[in-house]
PDB file of N, CA and C in Angstrom:
ATOM      1  N   MET A   1      72.709 -21.208 -11.429  1.00  0.00           N
ATOM      2  CA  MET A   1      71.036 -20.698 -11.381  1.00  0.00           C
ATOM      3  C   MET A   1      71.251 -19.174 -10.495  1.00  0.00           C
ATOM      4  N   PHE A   2      71.682 -19.521  -9.559  1.00  0.00           N
ATOM      5  CA  PHE A   2      71.720 -18.785  -8.544  1.00  0.00           C
ATOM      6  C   PHE A   2      72.632 -17.544  -8.948  1.00  0.00           C
ATOM      7  N   ILE A   3      73.556 -17.778  -9.791  1.00  0.00           N
ATOM      8  CA  ILE A   3      74.984 -16.571 -10.313  1.00  0.00           C
ATOM      9  C   ILE A   3      73.693 -15.893 -10.835  1.00  0.00           C
ATOM     10  N   PHE A   4      73.179 -16.569 -12.260  1.00  0.00           N
ATOM     11  CA  PHE A   4      72.549 -15.693 -13.323  1.00  0.00           C
ATOM     12  C   PHE A   4      71.122 -14.977 -12.502  1.00  0.00           C
ATOM     13  N   SER A   5      70.749 -15.440 -11.655  1.00  0.00           N
ATOM     14  CA  SER A   5      69.559 -14.493 -10.746  1.00  0.00           C
ATOM     15  C   SER A   5      70.359 -13.398 -10.145  1.00  0.00           C
ATOM     16  N   SER A   6      71.583 -13.452  -9.396  1.00  0.00           N
ATOM     17  CA  SER A   6      72.181 -12.214  -9.104  1.00  0.00           C
ATOM     18  C   SER A   6      72.640 -11.543  -9.942  1.00  0.00           C
ATOM     19  N   PHE A   7      73.012 -11.734 -11.168  1.00  0.00           N
ATOM     20  CA  PHE A   7      73.343 -10.814 -12.227  1.00  0.00           C
ATOM     21  C   PHE A   7      72.165 -10.281 -12.743  1.00  0.00           C
ATOM     22  N   ALA A   8      70.885 -10.799 -12.705  1.00  0.00           N
ATOM     23  CA  ALA A   8      69.935 -10.175 -13.318  1.00  0.00           C
ATOM     24  C   ALA A   8      69.393  -8.703 -12.697  1.00  0.00           C
ATOM     25  N   LEU A   9      69.611  -9.524 -11.056  1.00  0.00           N
ATOM     26  CA  LEU A   9      68.843  -8.685  -9.779  1.00  0.00           C
ATOM     27  C   LEU A   9      69.791  -7.323  -9.928  1.00  0.00           C
ATOM     28  N   ALA A  10      71.335  -7.638 -10.164  1.00  0.00           N
ATOM     29  CA  ALA A  10      72.226  -6.344 -10.203  1.00  0.00           C
ATOM     30  C   ALA A  10      71.573  -5.425 -11.764  1.00  0.00           C
ATOM     31  N   ASN A  11      71.646  -6.292 -12.638  1.00  0.00           N
ATOM     32  CA  ASN A  11      71.332  -5.728 -13.838  1.00  0.00           C
ATOM     33  C   ASN A  11      70.230  -4.788 -13.757  1.00  0.00           C
ATOM     34  N   GLU A  12      69.112  -5.311 -13.080  1.00  0.00           N
ATOM     35  CA  GLU A  12      68.029  -4.344 -12.692  1.00  0.00           C
ATOM     36  C   GLU A  12      68.195  -3.263 -11.890  1.00  0.00           C
ATOM     37  N   ASN A  13      68.739  -3.533 -10.781  1.00  0.00           N
ATOM     38  CA  ASN A  13      69.361  -2.149  -9.997  1.00  0.00           C
ATOM     39  C   ASN A  13      69.993  -1.358 -10.486  1.00  0.00           C
ATOM     40  N   SER A  14      71.090  -1.686 -11.877  1.00  0.00           N
ATOM     41  CA  SER A  14      71.663  -0.659 -12.730  1.00  0.00           C
ATOM     42  C   SER A  14      70.431  -0.050 -13.691  1.00  0.00           C
ATOM     43  N   ILE A  15      69.780  -0.594 -13.946  1.00  0.00           N
ATOM     44  CA  ILE A  15      68.676   0.113 -14.648  1.00  0.00           C
ATOM     45  C   ILE A  15      67.846   0.802 -14.072  1.00  0.00           C
ATOM     46  N   GLU A  16      67.654   0.668 -13.078  1.00  0.00           N
ATOM     47  CA  GLU A  16      66.744   1.504 -12.068  1.00  0.00           C
ATOM     48  C   GLU A  16      67.774   3.091 -11.537  1.00  0.00           C
ATOM     49  N   GLN A  17      68.725   2.425 -11.296  1.00  0.00           N
ATOM     50  CA  GLN A  17      69.641   3.888 -11.250  1.00  0.00           C
ATOM     51  C   GLN A  17      69.932   4.452 -12.320  1.00  0.00           C
ATOM     52  N   SER A  18      70.018   4.123 -13.225  1.00  0.00           N
ATOM     53  CA  SER A  18      70.151   5.021 -14.664  1.00  0.00           C
ATOM     54  C   SER A  18      68.864   6.055 -15.180  1.00  0.00           C
ATOM     55  N   ILE A  19      67.549   5.487 -14.863  1.00  0.00           N
ATOM     56  CA  ILE A  19      66.392   5.686 -14.820  1.00  0.00           C
ATOM     57  C   ILE A  19      66.652   6.930 -13.923  1.00  0.00           C
ATOM     58  N   GLN A  20      66.650   6.637 -12.540  1.00  0.00           N
ATOM     59  CA  GLN A  20      66.882   7.990 -11.792  1.00  0.00           C
ATOM     60  C   GLN A  20      67.895   8.942 -12.055  1.00  0.00           C
ATOM     61  N   ASN A  21      68.746   8.259 -12.479  1.00  0.00           N
ATOM     62  CA  ASN A  21      70.036   9.560 -12.921  1.00  0.00           C
ATOM     63  C   ASN A  21      69.477  10.650 -14.121  1.00  0.00           C
ATOM     64  N   ILE A  22      68.765  10.079 -15.112  1.00  0.00           N
ATOM     65  CA  ILE A  22      68.102  10.567 -16.117  1.00  0.00           C
ATOM     66  C   ILE A  22      67.013  11.404 -15.649  1.00  0.00           C
ATOM     67  N   GLU A  23      66.210  11.189 -14.769  1.00  0.00           N
ATOM     68  CA  GLU A  23      65.103  11.612 -13.949  1.00  0.00           C
ATOM     69  C   GLU A  23      65.665  13.010 -13.758  1.00  0.00           C
ATOM     70  N   ALA A  24      66.559  12.795 -12.642  1.00  0.00           N
ATOM     71  CA  ALA A  24      67.422  13.911 -11.983  1.00  0.00           C
ATOM     72  C   ALA A  24      68.077  15.100 -13.166  1.00  0.00           C
ATOM     73  N   GLU A  25      68.800  14.497 -14.183  1.00  0.00           N
ATOM     74  CA  GLU A  25      69.090  15.475 -15.195  1.00  0.00           C
ATOM     75  C   GLU A  25      68.268  16.639 -15.874  1.00  0.00           C
ATOM     76  N   TYR A  26      66.850  15.500 -16.121  1.00  0.00           N
ATOM     77  CA  TYR A  26      65.826  16.239 -16.546  1.00  0.00           C
ATOM     78  C   TYR A  26      65.192  17.263 -15.836  1.00  0.00           C
ATOM     79  N   GLN A  27      65.266  16.885 -14.514  1.00  0.00           N
ATOM     80  CA  GLN A  27      64.491  17.930 -13.382  1.00  0.00           C
ATOM     81  C   GLN A  27      65.582  18.942 -13.465  1.00  0.00           C
ATOM     82  N   GLN A  28      66.809  18.971 -13.446  1.00  0.00           N
ATOM     83  CA  GLN A  28      67.511  20.114 -13.421  1.00  0.00           C
ATOM     84  C   GLN A  28      67.690  20.798 -14.558  1.00  0.00           C
ATOM     85  N   LEU A  29      67.675  20.095 -15.789  1.00  0.00           N
ATOM     86  CA  LEU A  29      67.413  21.103 -16.794  1.00  0.00           C
ATOM     87  C   LEU A  29      66.024  21.864 -16.824  1.00  0.00           C
ATOM     88  N   LEU A  30      64.966  21.055 -16.382  1.00  0.00           N
ATOM     89  CA  LEU A  30      63.696  22.202 -15.917  1.00  0.00           C
ATOM     90  C   LEU A  30      64.075  23.217 -15.259  1.00  0.00           C
ATOM     91  N   ILE A  31      64.503  23.114 -14.303  1.00  0.00           N
ATOM     92  CA  ILE A  31      64.993  24.211 -13.399  1.00  0.00           C
ATOM     93  C   ILE A  31      65.671  25.281 -14.010  1.00  0.00           C
ATOM     94  N   LYS A  32      66.576  24.842 -14.757  1.00  0.00           N
ATOM     95  CA  LYS A  32      67.709  25.567 -15.640  1.00  0.00           C
ATOM     96  C   LYS A  32      67.089  26.650 -16.793  1.00  0.00           C
ATOM     97  N   GLU A  33      65.866  25.831 -17.048  1.00  0.00           N
ATOM     98  CA  GLU A  33      65.027  26.425 -18.309  1.00  0.00           C
ATOM     99  C   GLU A  33      64.257  27.566 -17.387  1.00  0.00           C
ATOM    100  N   ALA A  34      63.614  27.238 -16.335  1.00  0.00           N
ATOM    101  CA  ALA A  34      62.787  27.952 -15.572  1.00  0.00           C
ATOM    102  C   ALA A  34      63.361  29.162 -15.376  1.00  0.00           C
ATOM    103  N   GLU A  35      64.649  29.081 -14.897  1.00  0.00           N
ATOM    104  CA  GLU A  35      65.270  30.118 -14.628  1.00  0.00           C
ATOM    105  C   GLU A  35      65.251  31.197 -15.745  1.00  0.00           C
ATOM    106  N   LYS A  36      66.116  30.448 -16.800  1.00  0.00           N
ATOM    107  CA  LYS A  36      66.389  31.135 -18.319  1.00  0.00           C
ATOM    108  C   LYS A  36      65.064  32.136 -18.759  1.00  0.00           C
ATOM    109  N   ILE A  37      63.821  31.335 -18.768  1.00  0.00           N
ATOM    110  CA  ILE A  37      62.316  31.983 -19.023  1.00  0.00           C
ATOM    111  C   ILE A  37      62.570  33.358 -18.182  1.00  0.00           C
ATOM    112  N   GLU A  38      62.668  33.376 -16.659  1.00  0.00           N
ATOM    113  CA  GLU A  38      62.655  34.169 -15.808  1.00  0.00           C
ATOM    114  C   GLU A  38      63.519  35.079 -16.327  1.00  0.00           C
ATOM    115  N   GLU A  39      64.639  34.948 -16.318  1.00  0.00           N
ATOM    116  CA  GLU A  39      65.560  35.727 -16.839  1.00  0.00           C
ATOM    117  C   GLU A  39      65.332  36.659 -18.314  1.00  0.00           C
ATOM    118  N   PHE A  40      64.886  35.974 -19.218  1.00  0.00           N
ATOM    119  CA  PHE A  40      64.319  36.602 -20.498  1.00  0.00           C
ATOM    120  C   PHE A  40      63.082  37.688 -20.343  1.00  0.00           C
ATOM    121  N   LYS A  41      62.034  36.827 -19.200  1.00  0.00           N
ATOM    122  CA  LYS A  41      60.984  37.799 -18.881  1.00  0.00           C
ATOM    123  C   LYS A  41      61.456  39.016 -18.221  1.00  0.00           C
ATOM    124  N   ALA A  42      62.152  39.129 -17.317  1.00  0.00           N
ATOM    125  CA  ALA A  42      62.852  40.060 -16.636  1.00  0.00           C
ATOM    126  C   ALA A  42      63.806  41.602 -17.587  1.00  0.00           C
ATOM    127  N   GLU A  43      64.561  40.543 -18.717  1.00  0.00           N
ATOM    128  CA  GLU A  43      64.917  41.614 -19.713  1.00  0.00           C
ATOM    129  C   GLU A  43      64.123  42.018 -20.518  1.00  0.00           C
ATOM    130  N   LYS A  44      63.037  41.598 -20.856  1.00  0.00           N
ATOM    131  CA  LYS A  44      61.961  41.977 -21.700  1.00  0.00           C
ATOM    132  C   LYS A  44      61.057  43.076 -21.188  1.00  0.00           C
ATOM    133  N   ASN A  45      61.045  43.011 -19.726  1.00  0.00           N
ATOM    134  CA  ASN A  45      60.328  44.215 -18.880  1.00  0.00           C
ATOM    135  C   ASN A  45      61.248  45.227 -18.831  1.00  0.00           C
ATOM    136  N   GLN A  46      62.667  44.847 -18.573  1.00  0.00           N
ATOM    137  CA  GLN A  46      63.319  46.497 -18.725  1.00  0.00           C
ATOM    138  C   GLN A  46      63.702  46.900 -19.900  1.00  0.00           C
ATOM    139  N   LEU A  47      63.352  46.395 -20.979  1.00  0.00           N
ATOM    140  CA  LEU A  47      63.334  46.973 -22.402  1.00  0.00           C
ATOM    141  C   LEU A  47      62.197  47.230 -22.626  1.00  0.00           C
ATOM    142  N   GLU A  48      60.867  47.188 -22.441  1.00  0.00           N
ATOM    143  CA  GLU A  48      59.683  47.764 -22.129  1.00  0.00           C
ATOM    144  C   GLU A  48      59.914  48.977 -21.676  1.00  0.00           C
ATOM    145  N   GLU A  49      60.354  48.818 -20.206  1.00  0.00           N
ATOM    146  CA  GLU A  49      60.378  50.261 -19.538  1.00  0.00           C
ATOM    147  C   GLU A  49      61.407  51.509 -20.430  1.00  0.00           C
ATOM    148  N   GLU A  50      62.536  50.570 -20.783  1.00  0.00           N
ATOM    149  CA  GLU A  50      63.442  51.604 -21.636  1.00  0.00           C
ATOM    150  C   GLU A  50      62.543  52.203 -22.751  1.00  0.00           C
ATOM    151  N   LEU A  51      61.966  51.436 -23.334  1.00  0.00           N
ATOM    152  CA  LEU A  51      61.125  51.861 -24.516  1.00  0.00           C
ATOM    153  C   LEU A  51      60.350  52.621 -24.040  1.00  0.00           C
ATOM    154  N   ASN A  52      59.610  52.966 -23.211  1.00  0.00           N
ATOM    155  CA  ASN A  52      58.672  53.840 -22.644  1.00  0.00           C
ATOM    156  C   ASN A  52      59.336  55.097 -22.327  1.00  0.00           C
ATOM    157  N   VAL A  53      60.157  55.048 -21.477  1.00  0.00           N
ATOM    158  CA  VAL A  53      61.080  56.487 -21.812  1.00  0.00           C
ATOM    159  C   VAL A  53      61.706  56.927 -22.656  1.00  0.00           C
ATOM    160  N   LEU A  54      62.280  56.042 -23.685  1.00  0.00           N
ATOM    161  CA  LEU A  54      62.572  56.654 -25.196  1.00  0.00           C
ATOM    162  C   LEU A  54      61.531  57.341 -25.861  1.00  0.00           C
ATOM    163  N   ARG A  55      60.437  56.546 -25.778  1.00  0.00           N
ATOM    164  CA  ARG A  55      59.160  57.285 -26.260  1.00  0.00           C
ATOM    165  C   ARG A  55      58.824  58.468 -25.864  1.00  0.00           C
ATOM    166  N   GLU A  56      58.926  58.429 -24.613  1.00  0.00           N
ATOM    167  CA  GLU A  56      58.718  59.904 -24.060  1.00  0.00           C
ATOM    168  C   GLU A  56      59.408  61.079 -24.366  1.00  0.00           C
ATOM    169  N   ARG A  57      60.822  60.735 -24.545  1.00  0.00           N
ATOM    170  CA  ARG A  57      61.605  61.760 -25.006  1.00  0.00           C
ATOM    171  C   ARG A  57      61.363  62.340 -26.932  1.00  0.00           C
ATOM    172  N   ALA A  58      60.923  61.025 -27.364  1.00  0.00           N
ATOM    173  CA  ALA A  58      60.775  61.320 -28.851  1.00  0.00           C
ATOM    174  C   ALA A  58      59.611  62.207 -28.934  1.00  0.00           C
ATOM    175  N   ALA A  59      58.476  62.202 -27.886  1.00  0.00           N
ATOM    176  CA  ALA A  59      57.052  62.751 -28.283  1.00  0.00           C
ATOM    177  C   ALA A  59      57.345  63.927 -28.287  1.00  0.00           C
ATOM    178  N   ASN A  60      58.457  64.681 -27.458  1.00  0.00           N
ATOM    179  CA  ASN A  60      58.827  66.144 -27.659  1.00  0.00           C
ATOM    180  C   ASN A  60      59.519  66.753 -28.889  1.00  0.00           C
ATOM    181  N   LYS A  61      59.843  65.855 -30.091  1.00  0.00           N
ATOM    182  CA  LYS A  61      60.651  66.595 -30.887  1.00  0.00           C
ATOM    183  C   LYS A  61      60.208  67.441 -31.743  1.00  0.00           C
ATOM    184  N   GLU A  62      59.097  67.152 -32.283  1.00  0.00           N
ATOM    185  CA  GLU A  62      58.444  68.031 -33.131  1.00  0.00           C
ATOM    186  C   GLU A  62      58.466  69.583 -32.718  1.00  0.00           C
ATOM    187  N   LEU A  63      57.870  69.331 -31.143  1.00  0.00           N
ATOM    188  CA  LEU A  63      57.855  70.948 -30.677  1.00  0.00           C
ATOM    189  C   LEU A  63      59.276  71.416 -30.518  1.00  0.00           C
ATOM    190  N   LYS A  64      60.226  70.919 -30.248  1.00  0.00           N
ATOM    191  CA  LYS A  64      61.796  71.405 -29.869  1.00  0.00           C
ATOM    192  C   LYS A  64      62.297  71.635 -31.465  1.00  0.00           C
ATOM    193  N   LEU A  65      62.116  70.895 -32.516  1.00  0.00           N
ATOM    194  CA  LEU A  65      62.811  71.071 -33.719  1.00  0.00           C
ATOM    195  C   LEU A  65      61.698  72.229 -34.287  1.00  0.00           C
ATOM    196  N   ALA A  66      60.907  72.444 -34.051  1.00  0.00           N
ATOM    197  CA  ALA A  66      59.969  73.802 -34.682  1.00  0.00           C
ATOM    198  C   ALA A  66      60.247  74.882 -34.253  1.00  0.00           C
ATOM    199  N   LYS A  67      61.051  75.003 -32.891  1.00  0.00           N
ATOM    200  CA  LYS A  67      60.998  76.216 -31.869  1.00  0.00           C
ATOM    201  C   LYS A  67      62.457  76.530 -32.666  1.00  0.00           C
ATOM    202  N   LEU A  68      63.722  75.335 -32.531  1.00  0.00           N
ATOM    203  CA  LEU A  68      65.110  75.553 -32.915  1.00  0.00           C
ATOM    204  C   LEU A  68      65.024  76.413 -34.222  1.00  0.00           C
ATOM    205  N   GLU A  69      64.167  75.732 -35.369  1.00  0.00           N
ATOM    206  CA  GLU A  69      64.250  76.333 -36.898  1.00  0.00           C
ATOM    207  C   GLU A  69      63.865  77.544 -36.903  1.00  0.00           C
ATOM    208  N   LYS A  70      62.695  78.023 -35.895  1.00  0.00           N
ATOM    209  CA  LYS A  70      62.189  79.320 -36.023  1.00  0.00           C
ATOM    210  C   LYS A  70      63.357  80.126 -35.449  1.00  0.00           C
ATOM    211  N   ASP A  71      63.942  79.749 -34.087  1.00  0.00           N
ATOM    212  CA  ASP A  71      65.076  80.596 -33.441  1.00  0.00           C
ATOM    213  C   ASP A  71      66.285  80.779 -34.410  1.00  0.00           C
ATOM    214  N   SER A  72      66.549  79.519 -35.301  1.00  0.00           N
ATOM    215  CA  SER A  72      67.853  79.689 -36.151  1.00  0.00           C
ATOM    216  C   SER A  72      67.149  80.613 -37.280  1.00  0.00           C
ATOM    217  N   GLN A  73      66.232  81.000 -37.588  1.00  0.00           N
ATOM    218  CA  GLN A  73      65.886  82.400 -38.631  1.00  0.00           C
ATOM    219  C   GLN A  73      65.588  83.651 -38.047  1.00  0.00           C
ATOM    220  N   ILE A  74      65.302  83.603 -36.815  1.00  0.00           N
ATOM    221  CA  ILE A  74      65.235  84.965 -36.366  1.00  0.00           C
ATOM    222  C   ILE A  74      65.867  85.548 -35.088  1.00  0.00           C
ATOM    223  N   ARG A  75      66.757  84.775 -34.761  1.00  0.00           N
ATOM    224  CA  ARG A  75      67.736  84.963 -33.263  1.00  0.00           C
ATOM    225  C   ARG A  75      69.219  85.774 -33.846  1.00  0.00           C
ATOM    226  N   TRP A  76      69.644  86.487 -32.935  1.00  0.00           N
ATOM    227  CA  TRP A  76      70.848  87.009 -33.479  1.00  0.00           C
ATOM    228  C   TRP A  76      72.023  86.042 -33.980  1.00  0.00           C
ATOM    229  N   HIS A  77      71.841  85.061 -32.964  1.00  0.00           N
ATOM    230  CA  HIS A  77      72.864  83.944 -33.075  1.00  0.00           C
ATOM    231  C   HIS A  77      72.473  82.916 -33.715  1.00  0.00           C
ATOM    232  N   ARG A  78      72.220  83.037 -35.058  1.00  0.00           N
ATOM    233  CA  ARG A  78      71.742  81.864 -35.783  1.00  0.00           C
ATOM    234  C   ARG A  78      72.568  81.062 -36.124  1.00  0.00           C
ATOM    235  N   ASP A  79      73.943  81.204 -36.149  1.00  0.00           N
ATOM    236  CA  ASP A  79      74.773  80.001 -36.457  1.00  0.00           C
ATOM    237  C   ASP A  79      74.647  78.949 -35.402  1.00  0.00           C
ATOM    238  N   LYS A  80      74.620  79.460 -34.104  1.00  0.00           N
ATOM    239  CA  LYS A  80      74.789  78.461 -32.853  1.00  0.00           C
ATOM    240  C   LYS A  80      73.382  77.876 -33.104  1.00  0.00           C
ATOM    241  N   TYR A  81      72.445  78.547 -33.212  1.00  0.00           N
ATOM    242  CA  TYR A  81      70.868  77.882 -33.307  1.00  0.00           C
ATOM    243  C   TYR A  81      71.047  76.902 -34.442  1.00  0.00           C
ATOM    244  N   LYS A  82      71.489  76.897 -35.440  1.00  0.00           N
ATOM    245  CA  LYS A  82      71.573  75.763 -36.378  1.00  0.00           C
ATOM    246  C   LYS A  82      72.389  74.865 -35.964  1.00  0.00           C
ATOM    247  N   LYS A  83      73.483  75.067 -35.512  1.00  0.00           N
ATOM    248  CA  LYS A  83      74.590  74.044 -34.688  1.00  0.00           C
ATOM    249  C   LYS A  83      73.517  73.501 -33.621  1.00  0.00           C
ATOM    250  N   LEU A  84      73.187  73.716 -33.062  1.00  0.00           N
ATOM    251  CA  LEU A  84      72.093  73.025 -31.952  1.00  0.00           C
ATOM    252  C   LEU A  84      71.077  72.316 -32.429  1.00  0.00           C
ATOM    253  N   LEU A  85      70.280  72.921 -33.755  1.00  0.00           N
ATOM    254  CA  LEU A  85      69.266  72.417 -34.286  1.00  0.00           C
ATOM    255  C   LEU A  85      69.578  71.223 -35.083  1.00  0.00           C
ATOM    256  N   LYS A  86      71.163  71.312 -35.181  1.00  0.00           N
ATOM    257  CA  LYS A  86      71.551  69.814 -36.169  1.00  0.00           C
ATOM    258  C   LYS A  86      72.063  68.964 -35.295  1.00  0.00           C
ATOM    259  N   ASN A  87      72.379  69.292 -34.070  1.00  0.00           N
ATOM    260  CA  ASN A  87      72.598  68.397 -32.970  1.00  0.00           C
ATOM    261  C   ASN A  87      71.357  67.787 -32.470  1.00  0.00           C
ATOM    262  N   TYR A  88      70.101  68.436 -32.572  1.00  0.00           N
ATOM    263  CA  TYR A  88      69.166  67.672 -32.160  1.00  0.00           C
ATOM    264  C   TYR A  88      68.735  66.874 -33.301  1.00  0.00           C
ATOM    265  N   GLU A  89      68.952  67.249 -34.509  1.00  0.00           N
ATOM    266  CA  GLU A  89      68.454  66.104 -35.372  1.00  0.00           C
ATOM    267  C   GLU A  89      69.174  65.247 -35.270  1.00  0.00           C
ATOM    268  N   THR A  90      70.584  65.282 -34.947  1.00  0.00           N
ATOM    269  CA  THR A  90      71.502  63.841 -34.703  1.00  0.00           C
ATOM    270  C   THR A  90      70.961  63.001 -33.661  1.00  0.00           C
ATOM    271  N   TYR A  91      70.544  63.944 -32.594  1.00  0.00           N
ATOM    272  CA  TYR A  91      70.343  63.001 -31.452  1.00  0.00           C
ATOM    273  C   TYR A  91      68.804  62.428 -31.648  1.00  0.00           C
ATOM    274  N   TYR A  92      68.012  63.233 -32.318  1.00  0.00           N
ATOM    275  CA  TYR A  92      66.478  62.364 -32.229  1.00  0.00           C
ATOM    276  C   TYR A  92      66.957  61.453 -33.563  1.00  0.00           C
ATOM    277  N   THR A  93      67.564  61.271 -34.266  1.00  0.00           N
ATOM    278  CA  THR A  93      67.898  60.247 -35.157  1.00  0.00           C
ATOM    279  C   THR A  93      68.712  59.060 -34.365  1.00  0.00           C
ATOM    280  N   LYS A  94      69.398  59.191 -33.548  1.00  0.00           N
ATOM    281  CA  LYS A  94      69.807  57.875 -32.950  1.00  0.00           C
ATOM    282  C   LYS A  94      68.605  57.622 -31.878  1.00  0.00           C
ATOM    283  N   LEU A  95      68.224  58.465 -31.476  1.00  0.00           N
ATOM    284  CA  LEU A  95      66.922  57.951 -30.489  1.00  0.00           C
ATOM    285  C   LEU A  95      65.963  57.226 -31.302  1.00  0.00           C
ATOM    286  N   GLU A  96      65.471  57.520 -32.443  1.00  0.00           N
ATOM    287  CA  GLU A  96      64.577  56.401 -33.182  1.00  0.00           C
ATOM    288  C   GLU A  96      65.368  55.327 -33.754  1.00  0.00           C
ATOM    289  N   ASN A  97      66.668  55.401 -33.890  1.00  0.00           N
ATOM    290  CA  ASN A  97      67.391  53.662 -34.090  1.00  0.00           C
ATOM    291  C   ASN A  97      67.297  53.191 -32.701  1.00  0.00           C
ATOM    292  N   LYS A  98      67.590  53.510 -31.979  1.00  0.00           N
ATOM    293  CA  LYS A  98      67.631  53.194 -30.429  1.00  0.00           C
ATOM    294  C   LYS A  98      66.063  52.321 -30.061  1.00  0.00           C
ATOM    295  N   ILE A  99      65.259  53.332 -30.407  1.00  0.00           N
ATOM    296  CA  ILE A  99      63.818  52.492 -30.318  1.00  0.00           C
ATOM    297  C   ILE A  99      63.414  51.392 -30.991  1.00  0.00           C
ATOM    298  N   ALA A 100      63.925  51.510 -32.589  1.00  0.00           N
ATOM    299  CA  ALA A 100      63.646  50.555 -33.178  1.00  0.00           C
ATOM    300  C   ALA A 100      64.328  49.007 -32.715  1.00  0.00           C
ATOM    301  N   ASP A 101      65.859  49.417 -32.373  1.00  0.00           N
ATOM    302  CA  ASP A 101      66.654  48.253 -31.843  1.00  0.00           C
ATOM    303  C   ASP A 101      65.728  47.470 -30.458  1.00  0.00           C
ATOM    304  N   THR A 102      65.516  48.549 -29.745  1.00  0.00           N
ATOM    305  CA  THR A 102      64.647  47.809 -28.885  1.00  0.00           C
ATOM    306  C   THR A 102      63.439  47.221 -28.665  1.00  0.00           C
ATOM    307  N   GLU A 103      62.486  47.629 -29.835  1.00  0.00           N
ATOM    308  CA  GLU A 103      61.548  47.180 -30.449  1.00  0.00           C
ATOM    309  C   GLU A 103      61.680  45.780 -30.561  1.00  0.00           C
ATOM    310  N   GLN A 104      62.963  45.720 -31.419  1.00  0.00           N
ATOM    311  CA  GLN A 104      63.122  44.760 -32.274  1.00  0.00           C
ATOM    312  C   GLN A 104      63.680  43.620 -31.145  1.00  0.00           C
ATOM    313  N   LYS A 105      64.519  43.487 -30.132  1.00  0.00           N
ATOM    314  CA  LYS A 105      64.933  42.907 -29.250  1.00  0.00           C
ATOM    315  C   LYS A 105      63.776  42.433 -28.287  1.00  0.00           C
ATOM    316  N   ILE A 106      62.786  43.107 -28.079  1.00  0.00           N
ATOM    317  CA  ILE A 106      61.151  42.711 -27.259  1.00  0.00           C
ATOM    318  C   ILE A 106      60.883  41.962 -28.208  1.00  0.00           C
ATOM    319  N   ALA A 107      60.655  41.778 -29.659  1.00  0.00           N
ATOM    320  CA  ALA A 107      59.830  41.518 -30.308  1.00  0.00           C
ATOM    321  C   ALA A 107      60.664  39.558 -30.408  1.00  0.00           C
ATOM    322  N   GLU A 108      61.912  39.892 -30.501  1.00  0.00           N
ATOM    323  CA  GLU A 108      62.441  38.595 -30.502  1.00  0.00           C
ATOM    324  C   GLU A 108      62.607  37.862 -28.951  1.00  0.00           C
ATOM    325  N   LEU A 109      62.641  38.507 -28.058  1.00  0.00           N
ATOM    326  CA  LEU A 109      62.170  38.159 -26.839  1.00  0.00           C
ATOM    327  C   LEU A 109      61.102  37.628 -26.698  1.00  0.00           C
ATOM    328  N   THR A 110      60.020  38.271 -27.120  1.00  0.00           N
ATOM    329  CA  THR A 110      58.823  37.642 -26.990  1.00  0.00           C
ATOM    330  C   THR A 110      58.552  36.261 -27.648  1.00  0.00           C
ATOM    331  N   SER A 111      58.992  36.152 -29.176  1.00  0.00           N
ATOM    332  CA  SER A 111      58.611  35.040 -29.660  1.00  0.00           C
ATOM    333  C   SER A 111      59.441  33.885 -28.838  1.00  0.00           C
ATOM    334  N   LEU A 112      60.953  34.207 -28.509  1.00  0.00           N
ATOM    335  CA  LEU A 112      61.323  33.287 -27.524  1.00  0.00           C
ATOM    336  C   LEU A 112      60.606  32.407 -26.578  1.00  0.00           C
ATOM    337  N   LEU A 113      60.192  33.358 -25.750  1.00  0.00           N
ATOM    338  CA  LEU A 113      59.495  33.235 -24.811  1.00  0.00           C
ATOM    339  C   LEU A 113      57.927  32.515 -24.853  1.00  0.00           C
ATOM    340  N   ALA A 114      57.575  32.648 -26.382  1.00  0.00           N
ATOM    341  CA  ALA A 114      56.417  31.962 -26.884  1.00  0.00           C
ATOM    342  C   ALA A 114      56.699  30.471 -27.018  1.00  0.00           C
ATOM    343  N   VAL A 115      58.042  30.393 -27.668  1.00  0.00           N
ATOM    344  CA  VAL A 115      58.758  29.154 -28.140  1.00  0.00           C
ATOM    345  C   VAL A 115      58.879  28.230 -26.630  1.00  0.00           C
ATOM    346  N   MET A 116      59.536  28.862 -25.589  1.00  0.00           N
ATOM    347  CA  MET A 116      60.311  28.351 -24.781  1.00  0.00           C
ATOM    348  C   MET A 116      59.036  27.678 -23.674  1.00  0.00           C
ATOM    349  N   GLN A 117      57.599  28.266 -23.927  1.00  0.00           N
ATOM    350  CA  GLN A 117      56.624  28.056 -23.019  1.00  0.00           C
ATOM    351  C   GLN A 117      55.495  27.523 -23.498  1.00  0.00           C
TER     352      GLN A 117
END
């Protein structure tokens, strides 16, 4: 009987230890998840700032392109202006693609943060 009671006591201590280990692992996971959420928030904020800068650059697109089109028609160095115009068009196309990619990343991070919280 004494052996049985000491075995039951040891088994109970083992169960308590297991529960404490599980709770400690759970707390570590919560800490890691909170760190990951903060990392995602920081990345989202950085992408939003970058997006604002890109949008500011894109805002002047129409004015610059209109001036270059006019200059490529009336200036002495038409070929150079046409080449510059083409370079600007390529630049703005890439800029628009980057804006779209950044907006998509922000949307993904927003949905991920909504799921995590």
